[in-house]
Amino acid sequence: MKTDQLFQHYLKEAETDFSGWDFSHITETGRLASGMLSWSYGSMAKTLMADATSILDMGTGGGELLSELQPFPQTVCATEGYKPNFPIAKERLEPLGVKVVEVEPDNQLHFPNKHFDLIINKHEEYDPSEVRRVLREGGTFLTQQVGWSDCQDINRLLGAPINEEYAHWNLEFAHKQLEEHGFQVLFSKKEYPMQRFYDIGALIYYLKAIPWQVVDFKVEDYLDPLYELHLKIQREGYLDIRQDRFVLKAIGK
């Protein structure tokens, strides 16, 4: 392992800084590719925004996606609870007329009752009672979520623990929960696309960017299994990891 120059190169290269919610360092170079879904969250959000007068983007990250959904209606707000992302989102979105609000915890919405007619949420925690409170009657809530089983292949391959706290989090639970909080679900679907890593450096970069996948991930703690995965990728050309995604579109009754 110590004499494998390519492996050592990837270990060093994976120290590249990550900011906002921008994976372009490994996606734009083709080192990480995600399988296609049969729906497009962005297209669904864009369509709904065309008829909206006031929208909220929950968990905007660094504002990367929201900034691409212009033109905006008159009132546009975004929340972000991850402190490193908040100044990045403000810098990107506020010049576009978006009010960016820091929230803690993530699912608390510091807005008046019935304030928005569209709330969008990609991969962000939410409290259905809070969403319903700030959504107008007949307003739409669109969310794409990451199911509990997402990328657990990584944990198994590394011998890392799997967090059982959110084992209930799947489409069926989320669908029922929305209905119990005054929503009518108009569309829901789940799929399990593959995420493909083409080198071990891309996998390490990914794990450092999303620290909840392998809690307290440190390269030095997983050197042996990482090296075995490096050899596997060298032999087979890639490593496929199963994702878990679901989408819900609902209106407030």
C-alpha atoms as a PDB file:
ATOM      1  CA  MET A   1       0.000   0.000   0.000  1.00  0.00           C
ATOM      2  CA  LYS A   2       2.771   2.429   0.922  1.00  0.00           C
ATOM      3  CA  THR A   3       4.478   1.858  -2.427  1.00  0.00           C
ATOM      4  CA  ASP A   4       1.303   2.181  -4.528  1.00  0.00           C
ATOM      5  CA  GLN A   5       1.946   5.632  -5.977  1.00  0.00           C
ATOM      6  CA  LEU A   6      -1.486   5.955  -7.587  1.00  0.00           C
ATOM      7  CA  PHE A   7      -3.261   5.202  -4.307  1.00  0.00           C
ATOM      8  CA  GLN A   8      -1.065   7.696  -2.475  1.00  0.00           C
ATOM      9  CA  HIS A   9      -1.769  10.258  -5.188  1.00  0.00           C
ATOM     10  CA  TYR A  10      -5.515   9.859  -4.684  1.00  0.00           C
ATOM     11  CA  LEU A  11      -5.179  10.155  -0.917  1.00  0.00           C
ATOM     12  CA  LYS A  12      -3.394  13.470  -1.293  1.00  0.00           C
ATOM     13  CA  GLU A  13      -5.623  14.757  -4.085  1.00  0.00           C
ATOM     14  CA  ALA A  14      -8.787  14.064  -2.067  1.00  0.00           C
ATOM     15  CA  GLU A  15      -7.737  16.795   0.368  1.00  0.00           C
ATOM     16  CA  THR A  16      -9.147  19.350  -2.107  1.00  0.00           C
ATOM     17  CA  ASP A  17     -11.463  21.795  -0.328  1.00  0.00           C
ATOM     18  CA  PHE A  18     -15.217  21.314  -0.652  1.00  0.00           C
ATOM     19  CA  SER A  19     -17.607  24.244  -0.297  1.00  0.00           C
ATOM     20  CA  GLY A  20     -21.319  24.907  -0.745  1.00  0.00           C
ATOM     21  CA  TRP A  21     -22.962  21.909  -2.376  1.00  0.00           C
ATOM     22  CA  ASP A  22     -20.724  21.763  -5.403  1.00  0.00           C
ATOM     23  CA  PHE A  23     -19.421  18.348  -6.462  1.00  0.00           C
ATOM     24  CA  SER A  24     -18.034  19.616  -9.768  1.00  0.00           C
ATOM     25  CA  HIS A  25     -14.481  18.634  -8.772  1.00  0.00           C
ATOM     26  CA  ILE A  26     -15.463  14.999  -9.297  1.00  0.00           C
ATOM     27  CA  THR A  27     -18.635  15.241 -11.416  1.00  0.00           C
ATOM     28  CA  GLU A  28     -17.479  17.653 -14.133  1.00  0.00           C
ATOM     29  CA  THR A  29     -14.359  15.558 -14.654  1.00  0.00           C
ATOM     30  CA  GLY A  30     -16.436  12.396 -15.042  1.00  0.00           C
ATOM     31  CA  ARG A  31     -14.976  10.712 -11.973  1.00  0.00           C
ATOM     32  CA  LEU A  32     -18.410  10.337 -10.364  1.00  0.00           C
ATOM     33  CA  ALA A  33     -21.621   9.693 -12.269  1.00  0.00           C
ATOM     34  CA  SER A  34     -25.153   9.179 -10.967  1.00  0.00           C
ATOM     35  CA  GLY A  35     -27.793   7.030 -12.614  1.00  0.00           C
ATOM     36  CA  MET A  36     -30.835   8.650 -14.159  1.00  0.00           C
ATOM     37  CA  LEU A  37     -34.182   8.996 -12.409  1.00  0.00           C
ATOM     38  CA  SER A  38     -37.486   8.783 -14.261  1.00  0.00           C
ATOM     39  CA  TRP A  39     -38.412  12.218 -12.905  1.00  0.00           C
ATOM     40  CA  SER A  40     -36.583  15.548 -12.816  1.00  0.00           C
ATOM     41  CA  TYR A  41     -36.878  17.500  -9.584  1.00  0.00           C
ATOM     42  CA  GLY A  42     -35.505  20.582 -11.338  1.00  0.00           C
ATOM     43  CA  SER A  43     -38.058  20.397 -14.147  1.00  0.00           C
ATOM     44  CA  MET A  44     -40.890  19.855 -11.673  1.00  0.00           C
ATOM     45  CA  ALA A  45     -39.747  22.831  -9.580  1.00  0.00           C
ATOM     46  CA  LYS A  46     -39.323  25.029 -12.660  1.00  0.00           C
ATOM     47  CA  THR A  47     -42.851  24.222 -13.856  1.00  0.00           C
ATOM     48  CA  LEU A  48     -44.395  24.971 -10.464  1.00  0.00           C
ATOM     49  CA  MET A  49     -42.445  28.238 -10.134  1.00  0.00           C
ATOM     50  CA  ALA A  50     -44.002  29.553 -13.348  1.00  0.00           C
ATOM     51  CA  ASP A  51     -47.366  29.903 -11.560  1.00  0.00           C
ATOM     52  CA  ALA A  52     -46.075  30.822  -8.081  1.00  0.00           C
ATOM     53  CA  THR A  53     -46.071  34.286  -6.519  1.00  0.00           C
ATOM     54  CA  SER A  54     -44.031  33.421  -3.410  1.00  0.00           C
ATOM     55  CA  ILE A  55     -41.638  30.508  -2.969  1.00  0.00           C
ATOM     56  CA  LEU A  56     -39.377  29.016  -0.336  1.00  0.00           C
ATOM     57  CA  ASP A  57     -36.384  26.801  -1.064  1.00  0.00           C
ATOM     58  CA  MET A  58     -35.611  24.740   2.029  1.00  0.00           C
ATOM     59  CA  GLY A  59     -31.981  23.745   2.545  1.00  0.00           C
ATOM     60  CA  THR A  60     -30.623  25.666  -0.419  1.00  0.00           C
ATOM     61  CA  GLY A  61     -27.015  24.554   0.212  1.00  0.00           C
ATOM     62  CA  GLY A  62     -24.830  27.128  -1.490  1.00  0.00           C
ATOM     63  CA  GLY A  63     -27.778  28.250  -3.637  1.00  0.00           C
ATOM     64  CA  GLU A  64     -26.423  26.386  -6.652  1.00  0.00           C
ATOM     65  CA  LEU A  65     -29.706  24.838  -7.815  1.00  0.00           C
ATOM     66  CA  LEU A  66     -32.029  27.701  -6.899  1.00  0.00           C
ATOM     67  CA  SER A  67     -29.886  30.200  -8.792  1.00  0.00           C
ATOM     68  CA  GLU A  68     -30.426  28.145 -11.951  1.00  0.00           C
ATOM     69  CA  LEU A  69     -34.233  28.209 -11.636  1.00  0.00           C
ATOM     70  CA  GLN A  70     -34.637  31.861 -12.625  1.00  0.00           C
ATOM     71  CA  PRO A  71     -36.690  33.872 -13.422  1.00  0.00           C
ATOM     72  CA  PHE A  72     -38.123  34.155  -9.914  1.00  0.00           C
ATOM     73  CA  PRO A  73     -41.513  35.404  -8.756  1.00  0.00           C
ATOM     74  CA  GLN A  74     -41.726  38.559  -6.641  1.00  0.00           C
ATOM     75  CA  THR A  75     -41.093  36.837  -3.289  1.00  0.00           C
ATOM     76  CA  VAL A  76     -38.318  34.248  -3.030  1.00  0.00           C
ATOM     77  CA  CYS A  77     -36.786  33.009   0.214  1.00  0.00           C
ATOM     78  CA  ALA A  78     -34.279  30.283   0.998  1.00  0.00           C
ATOM     79  CA  THR A  79     -33.188  28.613   4.226  1.00  0.00           C
ATOM     80  CA  GLU A  80     -29.889  27.016   5.126  1.00  0.00           C
ATOM     81  CA  GLY A  81     -28.911  25.390   8.405  1.00  0.00           C
ATOM     82  CA  TYR A  82     -25.346  24.303   7.653  1.00  0.00           C
ATOM     83  CA  LYS A  83     -23.173  27.196   8.810  1.00  0.00           C
ATOM     84  CA  PRO A  84     -20.377  26.855   6.213  1.00  0.00           C
ATOM     85  CA  ASN A  85     -22.982  27.026   3.422  1.00  0.00           C
ATOM     86  CA  PHE A  86     -24.892  30.061   4.703  1.00  0.00           C
ATOM     87  CA  PRO A  87     -22.459  32.824   3.611  1.00  0.00           C
ATOM     88  CA  ILE A  88     -21.986  31.098   0.246  1.00  0.00           C
ATOM     89  CA  ALA A  89     -25.749  31.042  -0.312  1.00  0.00           C
ATOM     90  CA  LYS A  90     -26.085  34.698   0.704  1.00  0.00           C
ATOM     91  CA  GLU A  91     -23.338  35.771  -1.659  1.00  0.00           C
ATOM     92  CA  ARG A  92     -24.839  33.854  -4.576  1.00  0.00           C
ATOM     93  CA  LEU A  93     -28.566  34.455  -4.010  1.00  0.00           C
ATOM     94  CA  GLU A  94     -29.067  37.861  -2.414  1.00  0.00           C
ATOM     95  CA  PRO A  95     -27.927  39.762  -5.552  1.00  0.00           C
ATOM     96  CA  LEU A  96     -30.708  37.843  -7.341  1.00  0.00           C
ATOM     97  CA  GLY A  97     -33.334  39.157  -4.920  1.00  0.00           C
ATOM     98  CA  VAL A  98     -33.543  36.078  -2.717  1.00  0.00           C
ATOM     99  CA  LYS A  99     -33.880  36.493   1.049  1.00  0.00           C
ATOM    100  CA  VAL A 100     -31.592  33.908   2.654  1.00  0.00           C
ATOM    101  CA  VAL A 101     -32.410  32.903   6.233  1.00  0.00           C
ATOM    102  CA  GLU A 102     -30.182  30.862   8.538  1.00  0.00           C
ATOM    103  CA  VAL A 103     -32.183  28.284  10.492  1.00  0.00           C
ATOM    104  CA  GLU A 104     -31.423  26.039  13.443  1.00  0.00           C
ATOM    105  CA  PRO A 105     -32.617  23.352  13.538  1.00  0.00           C
ATOM    106  CA  ASP A 106     -33.002  22.869   9.797  1.00  0.00           C
ATOM    107  CA  ASN A 107     -36.696  22.040   9.930  1.00  0.00           C
ATOM    108  CA  GLN A 108     -37.840  25.180  11.765  1.00  0.00           C
ATOM    109  CA  LEU A 109     -39.226  27.858   9.438  1.00  0.00           C
ATOM    110  CA  HIS A 110     -39.101  31.391  10.782  1.00  0.00           C
ATOM    111  CA  PHE A 111     -41.836  32.807   8.554  1.00  0.00           C
ATOM    112  CA  PRO A 112     -45.447  33.907   9.147  1.00  0.00           C
ATOM    113  CA  ASN A 113     -48.361  31.523   8.730  1.00  0.00           C
ATOM    114  CA  LYS A 114     -49.575  30.914   5.165  1.00  0.00           C
ATOM    115  CA  HIS A 115     -46.688  32.904   3.706  1.00  0.00           C
ATOM    116  CA  PHE A 116     -45.815  30.857   0.583  1.00  0.00           C
ATOM    117  CA  ASP A 117     -47.745  29.263  -2.228  1.00  0.00           C
ATOM    118  CA  LEU A 118     -44.824  27.006  -3.219  1.00  0.00           C
ATOM    119  CA  ILE A 119     -42.222  25.298  -1.024  1.00  0.00           C
ATOM    120  CA  ILE A 120     -39.478  23.260  -2.661  1.00  0.00           C
ATOM    121  CA  ASN A 121     -37.072  21.001  -0.832  1.00  0.00           C
ATOM    122  CA  LYS A 122     -34.296  18.844  -2.248  1.00  0.00           C
ATOM    123  CA  HIS A 123     -32.638  16.472   0.205  1.00  0.00           C
ATOM    124  CA  GLU A 124     -33.431  18.622   3.248  1.00  0.00           C
ATOM    125  CA  GLU A 125     -35.020  17.570   6.531  1.00  0.00           C
ATOM    126  CA  TYR A 126     -38.502  18.954   7.090  1.00  0.00           C
ATOM    127  CA  ASP A 127     -41.218  19.037   9.724  1.00  0.00           C
ATOM    128  CA  PRO A 128     -44.544  18.517   7.910  1.00  0.00           C
ATOM    129  CA  SER A 129     -46.438  20.588  10.487  1.00  0.00           C
ATOM    130  CA  GLU A 130     -44.043  23.521   9.935  1.00  0.00           C
ATOM    131  CA  VAL A 131     -44.297  23.214   6.153  1.00  0.00           C
ATOM    132  CA  ARG A 132     -48.080  23.128   6.366  1.00  0.00           C
ATOM    133  CA  ARG A 133     -48.112  26.146   8.693  1.00  0.00           C
ATOM    134  CA  VAL A 134     -46.257  28.463   6.309  1.00  0.00           C
ATOM    135  CA  LEU A 135     -47.943  27.108   3.149  1.00  0.00           C
ATOM    136  CA  ARG A 136     -51.112  28.761   1.897  1.00  0.00           C
ATOM    137  CA  GLU A 137     -54.333  26.813   1.331  1.00  0.00           C
ATOM    138  CA  GLY A 138     -53.948  24.995  -1.975  1.00  0.00           C
ATOM    139  CA  GLY A 139     -50.220  25.705  -2.030  1.00  0.00           C
ATOM    140  CA  THR A 140     -47.766  23.090  -3.271  1.00  0.00           C
ATOM    141  CA  PHE A 141     -44.958  21.292  -1.466  1.00  0.00           C
ATOM    142  CA  LEU A 142     -42.409  19.534  -3.676  1.00  0.00           C
ATOM    143  CA  THR A 143     -39.641  17.462  -2.138  1.00  0.00           C
ATOM    144  CA  GLN A 144     -37.049  14.982  -3.335  1.00  0.00           C
ATOM    145  CA  GLN A 145     -35.608  12.977  -0.482  1.00  0.00           C
ATOM    146  CA  VAL A 146     -32.767  10.568   0.200  1.00  0.00           C
ATOM    147  CA  GLY A 147     -34.073   7.312   1.650  1.00  0.00           C
ATOM    148  CA  TRP A 148     -32.441   5.606   4.609  1.00  0.00           C
ATOM    149  CA  SER A 149     -30.845   2.832   2.549  1.00  0.00           C
ATOM    150  CA  ASP A 150     -28.936   5.331   0.394  1.00  0.00           C
ATOM    151  CA  CYS A 151     -25.313   4.331  -0.301  1.00  0.00           C
ATOM    152  CA  GLN A 152     -25.181   1.810   2.522  1.00  0.00           C
ATOM    153  CA  ASP A 153     -23.035  -0.330   0.232  1.00  0.00           C
ATOM    154  CA  ILE A 154     -20.204   2.082   1.088  1.00  0.00           C
ATOM    155  CA  ASN A 155     -20.572   1.442   4.807  1.00  0.00           C
ATOM    156  CA  ARG A 156     -20.657  -2.310   4.300  1.00  0.00           C
ATOM    157  CA  LEU A 157     -17.590  -2.301   2.051  1.00  0.00           C
ATOM    158  CA  LEU A 158     -15.639  -0.190   4.537  1.00  0.00           C
ATOM    159  CA  GLY A 159     -16.883  -2.096   7.586  1.00  0.00           C
ATOM    160  CA  ALA A 160     -18.347   1.151   8.935  1.00  0.00           C
ATOM    161  CA  PRO A 161     -21.428   1.333  11.187  1.00  0.00           C
ATOM    162  CA  ILE A 162     -24.856   1.948   9.639  1.00  0.00           C
ATOM    163  CA  ASN A 163     -27.009   4.474  11.490  1.00  0.00           C
ATOM    164  CA  GLU A 164     -30.327   2.825  12.365  1.00  0.00           C
ATOM    165  CA  GLU A 165     -31.915   6.020  13.712  1.00  0.00           C
ATOM    166  CA  TYR A 166     -33.649   6.826  10.419  1.00  0.00           C
ATOM    167  CA  ALA A 167     -34.470   3.277   9.325  1.00  0.00           C
ATOM    168  CA  HIS A 168     -38.120   4.324   8.978  1.00  0.00           C
ATOM    169  CA  TRP A 169     -37.375   7.056   6.424  1.00  0.00           C
ATOM    170  CA  ASN A 170     -38.809   5.917   3.095  1.00  0.00           C
ATOM    171  CA  LEU A 171     -41.510   6.914   0.618  1.00  0.00           C
ATOM    172  CA  GLU A 172     -44.309   5.087   2.393  1.00  0.00           C
ATOM    173  CA  PHE A 173     -43.590   6.743   5.745  1.00  0.00           C
ATOM    174  CA  ALA A 174     -43.205  10.225   4.239  1.00  0.00           C
ATOM    175  CA  HIS A 175     -46.392   9.847   2.162  1.00  0.00           C
ATOM    176  CA  LYS A 176     -48.474   8.845   5.182  1.00  0.00           C
ATOM    177  CA  GLN A 177     -46.899  11.557   7.339  1.00  0.00           C
ATOM    178  CA  LEU A 178     -47.863  14.300   4.881  1.00  0.00           C
ATOM    179  CA  GLU A 179     -51.436  13.051   4.710  1.00  0.00           C
ATOM    180  CA  GLU A 180     -51.634  13.067   8.501  1.00  0.00           C
ATOM    181  CA  HIS A 181     -50.595  16.745   8.525  1.00  0.00           C
ATOM    182  CA  GLY A 182     -53.182  18.139   6.145  1.00  0.00           C
ATOM    183  CA  PHE A 183     -51.702  17.436   2.723  1.00  0.00           C
ATOM    184  CA  GLN A 184     -53.116  15.714  -0.318  1.00  0.00           C
ATOM    185  CA  VAL A 185     -50.349  13.847  -2.122  1.00  0.00           C
ATOM    186  CA  LEU A 186     -50.663  14.269  -5.885  1.00  0.00           C
ATOM    187  CA  PHE A 187     -47.561  12.397  -7.003  1.00  0.00           C
ATOM    188  CA  SER A 188     -45.052  10.080  -5.359  1.00  0.00           C
ATOM    189  CA  LYS A 189     -42.397   7.714  -6.633  1.00  0.00           C
ATOM    190  CA  LYS A 190     -39.221   5.963  -5.476  1.00  0.00           C
ATOM    191  CA  GLU A 191     -36.245   4.566  -7.365  1.00  0.00           C
ATOM    192  CA  TYR A 192     -32.801   3.135  -6.683  1.00  0.00           C
ATOM    193  CA  PRO A 193     -30.311   4.502  -9.240  1.00  0.00           C
ATOM    194  CA  MET A 194     -26.648   3.580  -9.194  1.00  0.00           C
ATOM    195  CA  GLN A 195     -23.856   5.990  -8.362  1.00  0.00           C
ATOM    196  CA  ARG A 196     -20.595   5.090 -10.081  1.00  0.00           C
ATOM    197  CA  PHE A 197     -17.133   5.986  -8.765  1.00  0.00           C
ATOM    198  CA  TYR A 198     -14.269   5.713 -11.236  1.00  0.00           C
ATOM    199  CA  ASP A 199     -11.401   6.149  -8.785  1.00  0.00           C
ATOM    200  CA  ILE A 200     -10.870   5.882  -5.032  1.00  0.00           C
ATOM    201  CA  GLY A 201     -10.057   9.575  -4.770  1.00  0.00           C
ATOM    202  CA  ALA A 202     -13.579  10.435  -5.921  1.00  0.00           C
ATOM    203  CA  LEU A 203     -15.036   8.164  -3.244  1.00  0.00           C
ATOM    204  CA  ILE A 204     -12.884   9.718  -0.510  1.00  0.00           C
ATOM    205  CA  TYR A 205     -13.778  13.234  -1.665  1.00  0.00           C
ATOM    206  CA  TYR A 206     -17.458  12.265  -1.585  1.00  0.00           C
ATOM    207  CA  LEU A 207     -17.254  10.846   1.934  1.00  0.00           C
ATOM    208  CA  LYS A 208     -15.507  13.949   3.242  1.00  0.00           C
ATOM    209  CA  ALA A 209     -18.216  16.136   1.680  1.00  0.00           C
ATOM    210  CA  ILE A 210     -21.118  14.216   3.245  1.00  0.00           C
ATOM    211  CA  PRO A 211     -19.902  13.340   6.766  1.00  0.00           C
ATOM    212  CA  TRP A 212     -23.199  11.721   7.775  1.00  0.00           C
ATOM    213  CA  GLN A 213     -22.657   8.724   5.453  1.00  0.00           C
ATOM    214  CA  VAL A 214     -19.717   7.373   7.444  1.00  0.00           C
ATOM    215  CA  VAL A 215     -19.820   9.273  10.713  1.00  0.00           C
ATOM    216  CA  ASP A 216     -16.470  10.814  11.712  1.00  0.00           C
ATOM    217  CA  PHE A 217     -14.903   9.535   8.495  1.00  0.00           C
ATOM    218  CA  LYS A 218     -11.114   9.781   8.491  1.00  0.00           C
ATOM    219  CA  VAL A 219      -8.992   8.252   5.759  1.00  0.00           C
ATOM    220  CA  GLU A 220      -6.485   6.859   8.247  1.00  0.00           C
ATOM    221  CA  ASP A 221      -9.237   4.868  10.006  1.00  0.00           C
ATOM    222  CA  TYR A 222     -10.179   3.033   6.794  1.00  0.00           C
ATOM    223  CA  LEU A 223      -6.877   2.725   4.927  1.00  0.00           C
ATOM    224  CA  ASP A 224      -7.037  -1.054   4.437  1.00  0.00           C
ATOM    225  CA  PRO A 225     -10.603  -1.300   3.044  1.00  0.00           C
ATOM    226  CA  LEU A 226     -10.032   1.849   0.961  1.00  0.00           C
ATOM    227  CA  TYR A 227      -6.982   0.223  -0.576  1.00  0.00           C
ATOM    228  CA  GLU A 228      -8.978  -2.936  -1.333  1.00  0.00           C
ATOM    229  CA  LEU A 229     -11.609  -0.799  -3.062  1.00  0.00           C
ATOM    230  CA  HIS A 230      -8.853   0.986  -4.972  1.00  0.00           C
ATOM    231  CA  LEU A 231      -7.629  -2.374  -6.274  1.00  0.00           C
ATOM    232  CA  LYS A 232     -11.193  -3.397  -7.153  1.00  0.00           C
ATOM    233  CA  ILE A 233     -11.693  -0.218  -9.186  1.00  0.00           C
ATOM    234  CA  GLN A 234      -8.366  -0.776 -10.920  1.00  0.00           C
ATOM    235  CA  ARG A 235      -9.468  -4.292 -11.884  1.00  0.00           C
ATOM    236  CA  GLU A 236     -13.074  -3.575 -12.862  1.00  0.00           C
ATOM    237  CA  GLY A 237     -12.919   0.070 -13.902  1.00  0.00           C
ATOM    238  CA  TYR A 238     -15.497   1.435 -11.470  1.00  0.00           C
ATOM    239  CA  LEU A 239     -17.426   0.910  -8.241  1.00  0.00           C
ATOM    240  CA  ASP A 240     -21.232   0.964  -8.293  1.00  0.00           C
ATOM    241  CA  ILE A 241     -23.133   2.057  -5.187  1.00  0.00           C
ATOM    242  CA  ARG A 242     -26.934   1.885  -4.891  1.00  0.00           C
ATOM    243  CA  GLN A 243     -28.729   5.126  -4.090  1.00  0.00           C
ATOM    244  CA  ASP A 244     -32.219   5.580  -2.599  1.00  0.00           C
ATOM    245  CA  ARG A 245     -34.387   8.456  -3.867  1.00  0.00           C
ATOM    246  CA  PHE A 246     -38.050   9.362  -3.623  1.00  0.00           C
ATOM    247  CA  VAL A 247     -40.155  12.340  -4.650  1.00  0.00           C
ATOM    248  CA  LEU A 248     -43.444  13.744  -3.364  1.00  0.00           C
ATOM    249  CA  LYS A 249     -45.671  16.531  -4.651  1.00  0.00           C
ATOM    250  CA  ALA A 250     -48.519  17.524  -2.357  1.00  0.00           C
ATOM    251  CA  ILE A 251     -50.953  20.379  -1.836  1.00  0.00           C
ATOM    252  CA  GLY A 252     -52.143  21.835   1.450  1.00  0.00           C
ATOM    253  CA  LYS A 253     -55.818  21.091   2.006  1.00  0.00           C
END
